Amino acid sequence: ADREVEALIRREIERDFPEDRVLGEEFGDSGGDAATGWVVDPIDGTQNFLRGIPQFVVSIAYRAKGESRVGVIHDPNAGETFWATIGGGAFRDGAPIRVSGAARLEDAVIGVGHSPRHAPEAYNRTITVLIEAGAQTRNYCCAAIQLAYVSDGRLDATWDPYLLDWDVAAGMLLVREAGG
């Protein structure tokens, strides 16, 4: 499914922007200017998708000179689309969104993540510190949705010790443009 979705996205990009570079989770880098082009995660939260858990999204960003200029995260289960343009703000389904105002860990709900490719010690230490400080944690097993939720004030922060470019290219722009 991941490969089929990425192939579809690549075909659409190539149709309208045939010279643009595409960096995708499934098929890697199409070549071209490494600082300019599209960054695609066709299904972020693949394990959720495979298990019928409705926390997975499509994440696409466009970069120019190494900086995300446009970011879109679409949640097909909730029917929500989060998007941002550099200097243009962040939106959910056309409505402006903002990060939360939580300033203390005891008031915070923090998204967390972990990759089984890495030892659990850093994750366990961080979770322990957060819980001891009074924060609540959530792991949606989908980095992009957690970043979208931070941009919309649903989560106060998110942390994962191991993420890749396609996991965060759109979501980081959303958070910045939402005031985070």
N, C-alpha and C. Protein backbone atom coordinates (compact mmCIF):
# COMPACT_ATOMS: atom_id res chain seq x y z
N ALA A 1 0.83 -1.20 0.00
CA ALA A 1 0.00 0.00 0.00
C ALA A 1 0.86 1.26 0.00
N ASP A 2 1.93 1.24 0.83
CA ASP A 2 2.84 2.39 0.87
C ASP A 2 3.39 2.69 -0.53
N ARG A 3 3.85 1.66 -1.20
CA ARG A 3 4.46 1.84 -2.52
C ARG A 3 3.44 2.33 -3.54
N GLU A 4 2.23 1.79 -3.48
CA GLU A 4 1.20 2.22 -4.42
C GLU A 4 0.84 3.70 -4.22
N VAL A 5 0.72 4.10 -2.96
CA VAL A 5 0.38 5.50 -2.67
C VAL A 5 1.51 6.42 -3.10
N GLU A 6 2.76 6.03 -2.79
CA GLU A 6 3.87 6.88 -3.20
C GLU A 6 3.98 6.95 -4.72
N ALA A 7 3.77 5.84 -5.41
CA ALA A 7 3.81 5.86 -6.88
C ALA A 7 2.76 6.80 -7.44
N LEU A 8 1.56 6.80 -6.87
CA LEU A 8 0.50 7.71 -7.30
C LEU A 8 0.91 9.16 -7.07
N ILE A 9 1.44 9.46 -5.89
CA ILE A 9 1.86 10.84 -5.58
C ILE A 9 2.98 11.27 -6.53
N ARG A 10 3.94 10.40 -6.76
CA ARG A 10 5.03 10.73 -7.68
C ARG A 10 4.51 11.00 -9.10
N ARG A 11 3.56 10.21 -9.56
CA ARG A 11 3.00 10.44 -10.90
C ARG A 11 2.33 11.81 -10.98
N GLU A 12 1.60 12.17 -9.94
CA GLU A 12 0.92 13.47 -9.94
C GLU A 12 1.93 14.62 -9.92
N ILE A 13 2.96 14.50 -9.10
CA ILE A 13 3.99 15.54 -9.04
C ILE A 13 4.70 15.64 -10.39
N GLU A 14 5.09 14.49 -10.92
CA GLU A 14 5.82 14.48 -12.20
C GLU A 14 4.98 15.02 -13.35
N ARG A 15 3.66 14.84 -13.29
CA ARG A 15 2.79 15.37 -14.33
C ARG A 15 2.85 16.90 -14.37
N ASP A 16 2.78 17.52 -13.20
CA ASP A 16 2.75 18.98 -13.13
C ASP A 16 4.12 19.62 -12.95
N PHE A 17 5.07 18.89 -12.39
CA PHE A 17 6.40 19.43 -12.11
C PHE A 17 7.45 18.39 -12.53
N PRO A 18 7.59 18.14 -13.81
CA PRO A 18 8.43 17.03 -14.28
C PRO A 18 9.91 17.15 -13.92
N GLU A 19 10.40 18.33 -13.66
CA GLU A 19 11.82 18.51 -13.35
C GLU A 19 12.11 18.44 -11.85
N ASP A 20 11.07 18.40 -11.02
CA ASP A 20 11.28 18.48 -9.57
C ASP A 20 11.78 17.17 -8.98
N ARG A 21 12.64 17.30 -8.02
CA ARG A 21 13.15 16.18 -7.23
C ARG A 21 12.03 15.69 -6.30
N VAL A 22 11.97 14.38 -6.07
CA VAL A 22 11.05 13.80 -5.10
C VAL A 22 11.85 12.88 -4.18
N LEU A 23 11.75 13.12 -2.89
CA LEU A 23 12.34 12.26 -1.88
C LEU A 23 11.19 11.59 -1.16
N GLY A 24 11.09 10.28 -1.29
CA GLY A 24 10.00 9.55 -0.66
C GLY A 24 10.50 8.41 0.20
N GLU A 25 9.70 8.05 1.16
CA GLU A 25 10.09 6.98 2.08
C GLU A 25 10.27 5.65 1.36
N GLU A 26 9.45 5.37 0.39
CA GLU A 26 9.48 4.04 -0.24
C GLU A 26 10.48 3.91 -1.38
N PHE A 27 10.59 4.94 -2.21
CA PHE A 27 11.43 4.83 -3.40
C PHE A 27 12.67 5.71 -3.36
N GLY A 28 12.91 6.38 -2.24
CA GLY A 28 14.12 7.17 -2.10
C GLY A 28 14.08 8.46 -2.90
N ASP A 29 15.25 8.84 -3.37
CA ASP A 29 15.46 10.13 -4.01
C ASP A 29 15.47 9.98 -5.52
N SER A 30 14.69 10.81 -6.20
CA SER A 30 14.65 10.75 -7.67
C SER A 30 15.82 11.48 -8.31
N GLY A 31 16.64 12.14 -7.50
CA GLY A 31 17.78 12.89 -8.02
C GLY A 31 17.44 14.34 -8.26
N GLY A 32 18.41 15.11 -8.63
CA GLY A 32 18.20 16.54 -8.85
C GLY A 32 18.74 17.34 -7.69
N ASP A 33 18.34 18.58 -7.62
CA ASP A 33 18.79 19.51 -6.58
C ASP A 33 18.35 19.00 -5.22
N ALA A 34 19.29 18.63 -4.37
CA ALA A 34 18.99 18.05 -3.07
C ALA A 34 18.28 19.02 -2.13
N ALA A 35 18.39 20.32 -2.37
CA ALA A 35 17.79 21.31 -1.48
C ALA A 35 16.41 21.77 -1.93
N THR A 36 15.98 21.34 -3.12
CA THR A 36 14.70 21.79 -3.65
C THR A 36 13.92 20.58 -4.17
N GLY A 37 12.65 20.52 -3.83
CA GLY A 37 11.79 19.44 -4.31
C GLY A 37 10.79 19.00 -3.26
N TRP A 38 10.21 17.85 -3.50
CA TRP A 38 9.12 17.31 -2.70
C TRP A 38 9.62 16.25 -1.74
N VAL A 39 9.05 16.23 -0.54
CA VAL A 39 9.36 15.21 0.46
C VAL A 39 8.04 14.52 0.81
N VAL A 40 8.00 13.19 0.60
CA VAL A 40 6.73 12.46 0.65
C VAL A 40 6.80 11.29 1.63
N ASP A 41 5.85 11.23 2.54
CA ASP A 41 5.61 10.02 3.33
C ASP A 41 4.22 9.55 2.93
N PRO A 42 4.14 8.50 2.11
CA PRO A 42 2.85 8.10 1.54
C PRO A 42 1.85 7.60 2.58
N ILE A 43 2.32 6.87 3.57
CA ILE A 43 1.47 6.45 4.69
C ILE A 43 2.34 6.51 5.94
N ASP A 44 2.25 7.60 6.68
CA ASP A 44 2.94 7.67 7.95
C ASP A 44 2.03 7.01 8.97
N GLY A 45 2.55 6.01 9.65
CA GLY A 45 1.74 5.19 10.53
C GLY A 45 1.35 3.89 9.83
N THR A 46 2.27 3.34 9.05
CA THR A 46 1.98 2.14 8.26
C THR A 46 1.50 0.98 9.13
N GLN A 47 2.13 0.77 10.28
CA GLN A 47 1.70 -0.33 11.13
C GLN A 47 0.26 -0.13 11.62
N ASN A 48 -0.11 1.12 11.91
CA ASN A 48 -1.51 1.40 12.25
C ASN A 48 -2.42 1.05 11.08
N PHE A 49 -2.04 1.51 9.89
CA PHE A 49 -2.81 1.23 8.68
C PHE A 49 -3.02 -0.27 8.50
N LEU A 50 -1.95 -1.04 8.62
CA LEU A 50 -2.03 -2.49 8.42
C LEU A 50 -2.91 -3.18 9.45
N ARG A 51 -3.04 -2.60 10.63
CA ARG A 51 -3.82 -3.20 11.71
C ARG A 51 -5.22 -2.61 11.83
N GLY A 52 -5.57 -1.71 10.92
CA GLY A 52 -6.89 -1.10 10.98
C GLY A 52 -7.05 -0.06 12.07
N ILE A 53 -5.93 0.46 12.58
CA ILE A 53 -5.97 1.53 13.59
C ILE A 53 -6.02 2.86 12.85
N PRO A 54 -7.01 3.70 13.12
CA PRO A 54 -7.21 4.90 12.29
C PRO A 54 -6.32 6.09 12.61
N GLN A 55 -5.05 5.85 12.90
CA GLN A 55 -4.09 6.94 13.06
C GLN A 55 -2.97 6.75 12.05
N PHE A 56 -3.23 7.19 10.82
CA PHE A 56 -2.21 7.22 9.78
C PHE A 56 -2.56 8.37 8.85
N VAL A 57 -1.55 8.93 8.20
CA VAL A 57 -1.75 10.11 7.37
C VAL A 57 -0.86 10.04 6.14
N VAL A 58 -1.15 10.93 5.20
CA VAL A 58 -0.28 11.20 4.06
C VAL A 58 0.38 12.54 4.34
N SER A 59 1.70 12.61 4.18
CA SER A 59 2.44 13.84 4.48
C SER A 59 3.29 14.22 3.28
N ILE A 60 3.10 15.46 2.81
CA ILE A 60 3.84 15.96 1.65
C ILE A 60 4.32 17.38 1.94
N ALA A 61 5.59 17.63 1.64
CA ALA A 61 6.14 18.98 1.78
C ALA A 61 6.85 19.36 0.49
N TYR A 62 6.89 20.65 0.23
CA TYR A 62 7.71 21.17 -0.87
C TYR A 62 8.78 22.05 -0.25
N ARG A 63 10.03 21.80 -0.66
CA ARG A 63 11.16 22.57 -0.15
C ARG A 63 11.81 23.36 -1.27
N ALA A 64 12.27 24.55 -0.90
CA ALA A 64 13.09 25.37 -1.79
C ALA A 64 14.31 25.80 -0.99
N LYS A 65 15.48 25.55 -1.54
CA LYS A 65 16.75 25.89 -0.89
C LYS A 65 16.83 25.32 0.52
N GLY A 66 16.34 24.09 0.68
CA GLY A 66 16.46 23.39 1.95
C GLY A 66 15.42 23.73 2.99
N GLU A 67 14.48 24.61 2.67
CA GLU A 67 13.48 25.04 3.64
C GLU A 67 12.09 24.65 3.16
N SER A 68 11.31 23.99 4.03
CA SER A 68 9.94 23.65 3.68
C SER A 68 9.16 24.93 3.45
N ARG A 69 8.53 25.01 2.29
CA ARG A 69 7.75 26.20 1.92
C ARG A 69 6.25 25.91 1.98
N VAL A 70 5.88 24.64 1.73
CA VAL A 70 4.49 24.19 1.78
C VAL A 70 4.49 22.84 2.48
N GLY A 71 3.54 22.63 3.36
CA GLY A 71 3.39 21.33 4.01
C GLY A 71 1.94 20.96 4.11
N VAL A 72 1.63 19.70 3.81
CA VAL A 72 0.25 19.21 3.87
C VAL A 72 0.26 17.85 4.55
N ILE A 73 -0.60 17.67 5.53
CA ILE A 73 -0.82 16.39 6.17
C ILE A 73 -2.30 16.09 6.07
N HIS A 74 -2.63 14.98 5.41
CA HIS A 74 -4.04 14.61 5.25
C HIS A 74 -4.34 13.36 6.06
N ASP A 75 -5.37 13.45 6.89
CA ASP A 75 -5.84 12.34 7.70
C ASP A 75 -7.13 11.81 7.06
N PRO A 76 -7.05 10.72 6.29
CA PRO A 76 -8.24 10.23 5.60
C PRO A 76 -9.31 9.68 6.54
N ASN A 77 -8.92 9.25 7.72
CA ASN A 77 -9.89 8.69 8.66
C ASN A 77 -10.75 9.76 9.30
N ALA A 78 -10.14 10.85 9.70
CA ALA A 78 -10.88 11.96 10.31
C ALA A 78 -11.41 12.92 9.25
N GLY A 79 -10.95 12.76 8.00
CA GLY A 79 -11.37 13.68 6.95
C GLY A 79 -10.81 15.08 7.15
N GLU A 80 -9.61 15.17 7.76
CA GLU A 80 -9.01 16.46 8.04
C GLU A 80 -7.75 16.65 7.20
N THR A 81 -7.55 17.89 6.75
CA THR A 81 -6.33 18.24 6.04
C THR A 81 -5.70 19.44 6.74
N PHE A 82 -4.48 19.26 7.18
CA PHE A 82 -3.69 20.31 7.81
C PHE A 82 -2.71 20.81 6.76
N TRP A 83 -2.54 22.13 6.66
CA TRP A 83 -1.59 22.65 5.68
C TRP A 83 -1.04 23.98 6.14
N ALA A 84 0.14 24.28 5.62
CA ALA A 84 0.80 25.55 5.95
C ALA A 84 1.66 25.97 4.77
N THR A 85 1.83 27.28 4.66
CA THR A 85 2.81 27.84 3.73
C THR A 85 3.71 28.75 4.53
N ILE A 86 4.97 28.82 4.14
CA ILE A 86 5.91 29.62 4.90
C ILE A 86 5.46 31.08 4.89
N GLY A 87 5.31 31.63 6.07
CA GLY A 87 4.85 33.01 6.22
C GLY A 87 3.35 33.19 6.04
N GLY A 88 2.63 32.10 5.78
CA GLY A 88 1.19 32.21 5.51
C GLY A 88 0.29 31.63 6.57
N GLY A 89 0.87 31.11 7.64
CA GLY A 89 0.07 30.52 8.70
C GLY A 89 -0.20 29.05 8.48
N ALA A 90 -0.90 28.47 9.46
CA ALA A 90 -1.25 27.05 9.43
C ALA A 90 -2.77 26.91 9.54
N PHE A 91 -3.29 25.86 8.90
CA PHE A 91 -4.74 25.69 8.80
C PHE A 91 -5.15 24.23 8.92
N ARG A 92 -6.36 24.02 9.41
CA ARG A 92 -7.02 22.72 9.36
C ARG A 92 -8.32 22.93 8.62
N ASP A 93 -8.43 22.30 7.48
CA ASP A 93 -9.63 22.41 6.65
C ASP A 93 -10.03 23.87 6.41
N GLY A 94 -9.04 24.72 6.20
CA GLY A 94 -9.29 26.12 5.87
C GLY A 94 -9.39 27.05 7.07
N ALA A 95 -9.49 26.52 8.28
CA ALA A 95 -9.58 27.36 9.48
C ALA A 95 -8.18 27.52 10.09
N PRO A 96 -7.82 28.74 10.47
CA PRO A 96 -6.51 28.95 11.09
C PRO A 96 -6.37 28.13 12.38
N ILE A 97 -5.15 27.65 12.63
CA ILE A 97 -4.89 26.89 13.85
C ILE A 97 -3.67 27.47 14.56
N ARG A 98 -3.59 27.20 15.88
CA ARG A 98 -2.49 27.69 16.71
C ARG A 98 -2.07 26.59 17.67
N VAL A 99 -0.80 26.63 18.05
CA VAL A 99 -0.32 25.72 19.08
C VAL A 99 -0.98 26.08 20.40
N SER A 100 -0.92 25.17 21.36
CA SER A 100 -1.54 25.42 22.66
C SER A 100 -0.73 26.45 23.44
N GLY A 101 -1.29 26.91 24.52
CA GLY A 101 -0.60 27.85 25.38
C GLY A 101 0.03 27.19 26.60
N ALA A 102 0.02 25.87 26.67
CA ALA A 102 0.56 25.19 27.85
C ALA A 102 2.03 25.54 28.03
N ALA A 103 2.38 25.95 29.24
CA ALA A 103 3.76 26.36 29.51
C ALA A 103 4.42 25.50 30.58
N ARG A 104 3.65 24.61 31.22
CA ARG A 104 4.20 23.79 32.29
C ARG A 104 3.95 22.32 31.97
N LEU A 105 4.92 21.49 32.28
CA LEU A 105 4.78 20.05 31.99
C LEU A 105 3.56 19.45 32.68
N GLU A 106 3.25 19.89 33.87
CA GLU A 106 2.10 19.31 34.57
C GLU A 106 0.76 19.64 33.89
N ASP A 107 0.78 20.59 32.97
CA ASP A 107 -0.43 20.93 32.21
C ASP A 107 -0.40 20.35 30.80
N ALA A 108 0.66 19.64 30.46
CA ALA A 108 0.89 19.25 29.07
C ALA A 108 0.47 17.81 28.76
N VAL A 109 0.06 17.65 27.51
CA VAL A 109 -0.13 16.33 26.91
C VAL A 109 0.87 16.26 25.76
N ILE A 110 1.79 15.30 25.85
CA ILE A 110 2.92 15.26 24.93
C ILE A 110 2.88 13.97 24.11
N GLY A 111 2.96 14.13 22.81
CA GLY A 111 3.08 12.98 21.93
C GLY A 111 4.48 12.43 22.02
N VAL A 112 4.60 11.11 22.05
CA VAL A 112 5.90 10.46 22.13
C VAL A 112 5.97 9.37 21.07
N GLY A 113 7.18 9.03 20.70
CA GLY A 113 7.35 7.96 19.72
C GLY A 113 8.64 7.23 19.96
N HIS A 114 8.72 6.04 19.39
CA HIS A 114 9.91 5.22 19.53
C HIS A 114 10.02 4.30 18.33
N SER A 115 11.23 4.11 17.87
CA SER A 115 11.49 3.17 16.79
C SER A 115 12.09 1.89 17.37
N PRO A 116 11.59 0.73 16.98
CA PRO A 116 12.19 -0.51 17.48
C PRO A 116 13.61 -0.73 16.97
N ARG A 117 14.06 0.12 16.04
CA ARG A 117 15.43 0.02 15.54
C ARG A 117 16.44 0.60 16.52
N HIS A 118 15.96 1.19 17.60
CA HIS A 118 16.85 1.83 18.57
C HIS A 118 16.61 1.29 19.97
N ALA A 119 17.65 1.31 20.75
CA ALA A 119 17.56 0.85 22.13
C ALA A 119 16.54 1.70 22.89
N PRO A 120 15.80 1.09 23.80
CA PRO A 120 14.74 1.81 24.50
C PRO A 120 15.19 2.74 25.63
N GLU A 121 16.48 2.77 25.96
CA GLU A 121 16.91 3.53 27.13
C GLU A 121 16.58 5.02 27.05
N ALA A 122 16.87 5.67 25.93
CA ALA A 122 16.59 7.11 25.81
C ALA A 122 15.10 7.37 25.92
N TYR A 123 14.31 6.54 25.27
CA TYR A 123 12.85 6.67 25.33
C TYR A 123 12.37 6.50 26.77
N ASN A 124 12.82 5.44 27.43
CA ASN A 124 12.37 5.18 28.80
C ASN A 124 12.77 6.30 29.75
N ARG A 125 14.00 6.81 29.63
CA ARG A 125 14.44 7.93 30.49
C ARG A 125 13.55 9.15 30.29
N THR A 126 13.29 9.48 29.03
CA THR A 126 12.49 10.67 28.74
C THR A 126 11.05 10.52 29.24
N ILE A 127 10.45 9.37 28.98
CA ILE A 127 9.08 9.12 29.45
C ILE A 127 9.02 9.23 30.97
N THR A 128 9.99 8.67 31.66
CA THR A 128 10.03 8.74 33.12
C THR A 128 10.07 10.19 33.59
N VAL A 129 10.94 11.00 32.98
CA VAL A 129 11.03 12.42 33.37
C VAL A 129 9.71 13.13 33.12
N LEU A 130 9.10 12.90 31.97
CA LEU A 130 7.83 13.55 31.65
C LEU A 130 6.73 13.17 32.65
N ILE A 131 6.61 11.89 32.93
CA ILE A 131 5.57 11.43 33.85
C ILE A 131 5.82 11.94 35.26
N GLU A 132 7.08 11.90 35.69
CA GLU A 132 7.40 12.42 37.03
C GLU A 132 7.11 13.91 37.14
N ALA A 133 7.20 14.64 36.03
CA ALA A 133 6.90 16.08 36.04
C ALA A 133 5.40 16.34 35.96
N GLY A 134 4.61 15.30 35.77
CA GLY A 134 3.16 15.47 35.75
C GLY A 134 2.53 15.54 34.37
N ALA A 135 3.33 15.38 33.34
CA ALA A 135 2.77 15.43 31.97
C ALA A 135 2.06 14.13 31.65
N GLN A 136 1.10 14.23 30.75
CA GLN A 136 0.48 13.04 30.17
C GLN A 136 1.15 12.78 28.82
N THR A 137 1.19 11.53 28.41
CA THR A 137 1.79 11.20 27.13
C THR A 137 0.81 10.42 26.26
N ARG A 138 1.02 10.54 24.94
CA ARG A 138 0.26 9.78 23.94
C ARG A 138 1.24 9.32 22.88
N ASN A 139 1.07 8.09 22.41
CA ASN A 139 1.86 7.62 21.29
C ASN A 139 0.89 7.13 20.22
N TYR A 140 0.73 7.96 19.18
CA TYR A 140 -0.16 7.60 18.08
C TYR A 140 0.57 6.73 17.05
N CYS A 141 1.86 6.47 17.28
CA CYS A 141 2.68 5.67 16.34
C CYS A 141 2.63 6.27 14.94
N CYS A 142 2.62 7.59 14.89
CA CYS A 142 2.53 8.31 13.63
C CYS A 142 3.04 9.73 13.88
N ALA A 143 4.31 9.97 13.54
CA ALA A 143 4.95 11.25 13.85
C ALA A 143 4.24 12.42 13.20
N ALA A 144 3.84 12.27 11.95
CA ALA A 144 3.22 13.39 11.23
C ALA A 144 1.90 13.80 11.87
N ILE A 145 1.09 12.85 12.31
CA ILE A 145 -0.18 13.23 12.93
C ILE A 145 0.09 13.92 14.27
N GLN A 146 1.13 13.48 14.98
CA GLN A 146 1.45 14.14 16.24
C GLN A 146 1.90 15.58 16.00
N LEU A 147 2.66 15.83 14.96
CA LEU A 147 3.04 17.21 14.64
C LEU A 147 1.83 18.03 14.21
N ALA A 148 0.92 17.43 13.44
CA ALA A 148 -0.31 18.14 13.07
C ALA A 148 -1.12 18.49 14.32
N TYR A 149 -1.18 17.56 15.26
CA TYR A 149 -1.92 17.81 16.50
C TYR A 149 -1.26 18.89 17.34
N VAL A 150 0.07 18.96 17.34
CA VAL A 150 0.75 20.06 18.04
C VAL A 150 0.38 21.38 17.39
N SER A 151 0.38 21.43 16.07
CA SER A 151 0.06 22.68 15.37
C SER A 151 -1.37 23.13 15.65
N ASP A 152 -2.24 22.19 15.96
CA ASP A 152 -3.66 22.48 16.21
C ASP A 152 -3.98 22.59 17.70
N GLY A 153 -2.96 22.51 18.56
CA GLY A 153 -3.17 22.64 20.00
C GLY A 153 -3.77 21.41 20.65
N ARG A 154 -3.90 20.32 19.96
CA ARG A 154 -4.43 19.08 20.54
C ARG A 154 -3.39 18.40 21.41
N LEU A 155 -2.14 18.49 21.00
CA LEU A 155 -1.00 18.08 21.81
C LEU A 155 -0.18 19.33 22.09
N ASP A 156 0.51 19.35 23.22
CA ASP A 156 1.32 20.51 23.58
C ASP A 156 2.74 20.42 23.04
N ALA A 157 3.19 19.22 22.76
CA ALA A 157 4.52 18.98 22.20
C ALA A 157 4.55 17.55 21.71
N THR A 158 5.59 17.21 20.97
CA THR A 158 5.82 15.82 20.60
C THR A 158 7.32 15.57 20.60
N TRP A 159 7.69 14.32 20.91
CA TRP A 159 9.10 13.96 21.02
C TRP A 159 9.26 12.53 20.51
N ASP A 160 10.29 12.35 19.70
CA ASP A 160 10.65 11.03 19.20
C ASP A 160 12.14 11.06 18.93
N PRO A 161 12.92 10.13 19.48
CA PRO A 161 14.37 10.20 19.31
C PRO A 161 14.85 9.78 17.92
N TYR A 162 13.95 9.29 17.07
CA TYR A 162 14.40 8.83 15.76
C TYR A 162 13.33 9.10 14.71
N LEU A 163 13.53 10.17 13.96
CA LEU A 163 12.62 10.49 12.86
C LEU A 163 13.44 10.80 11.62
N LEU A 164 12.83 10.61 10.48
CA LEU A 164 13.50 10.88 9.21
C LEU A 164 12.82 12.05 8.51
N ASP A 165 13.46 12.55 7.47
CA ASP A 165 12.99 13.75 6.77
C ASP A 165 11.52 13.68 6.40
N TRP A 166 11.09 12.57 5.80
CA TRP A 166 9.70 12.47 5.35
C TRP A 166 8.72 12.43 6.51
N ASP A 167 9.19 12.05 7.71
CA ASP A 167 8.32 12.05 8.88
C ASP A 167 7.97 13.46 9.34
N VAL A 168 8.87 14.43 9.11
CA VAL A 168 8.73 15.73 9.75
C VAL A 168 8.70 16.94 8.81
N ALA A 169 8.99 16.78 7.54
CA ALA A 169 9.14 17.94 6.64
C ALA A 169 7.88 18.81 6.61
N ALA A 170 6.72 18.21 6.50
CA ALA A 170 5.47 18.98 6.47
C ALA A 170 5.08 19.43 7.88
N GLY A 171 5.18 18.52 8.85
CA GLY A 171 4.73 18.81 10.21
C GLY A 171 5.51 19.90 10.91
N MET A 172 6.82 19.95 10.68
CA MET A 172 7.62 21.01 11.32
C MET A 172 7.19 22.39 10.81
N LEU A 173 6.90 22.48 9.52
CA LEU A 173 6.41 23.76 8.98
C LEU A 173 5.06 24.10 9.60
N LEU A 174 4.17 23.12 9.72
CA LEU A 174 2.87 23.37 10.34
C LEU A 174 3.04 23.94 11.75
N VAL A 175 3.91 23.32 12.54
CA VAL A 175 4.11 23.77 13.92
C VAL A 175 4.66 25.19 13.94
N ARG A 176 5.67 25.47 13.14
CA ARG A 176 6.25 26.84 13.09
C ARG A 176 5.19 27.86 12.70
N GLU A 177 4.44 27.55 11.67
CA GLU A 177 3.45 28.52 11.18
C GLU A 177 2.26 28.67 12.13
N ALA A 178 2.09 27.68 13.03
CA ALA A 178 1.02 27.78 14.04
C ALA A 178 1.52 28.43 15.33
N GLY A 179 2.76 28.92 15.31
CA GLY A 179 3.28 29.65 16.45
C GLY A 179 4.17 28.83 17.37
N GLY A 180 4.54 27.64 16.96
CA GLY A 180 5.40 26.78 17.80
C GLY A 180 6.85 26.89 17.44
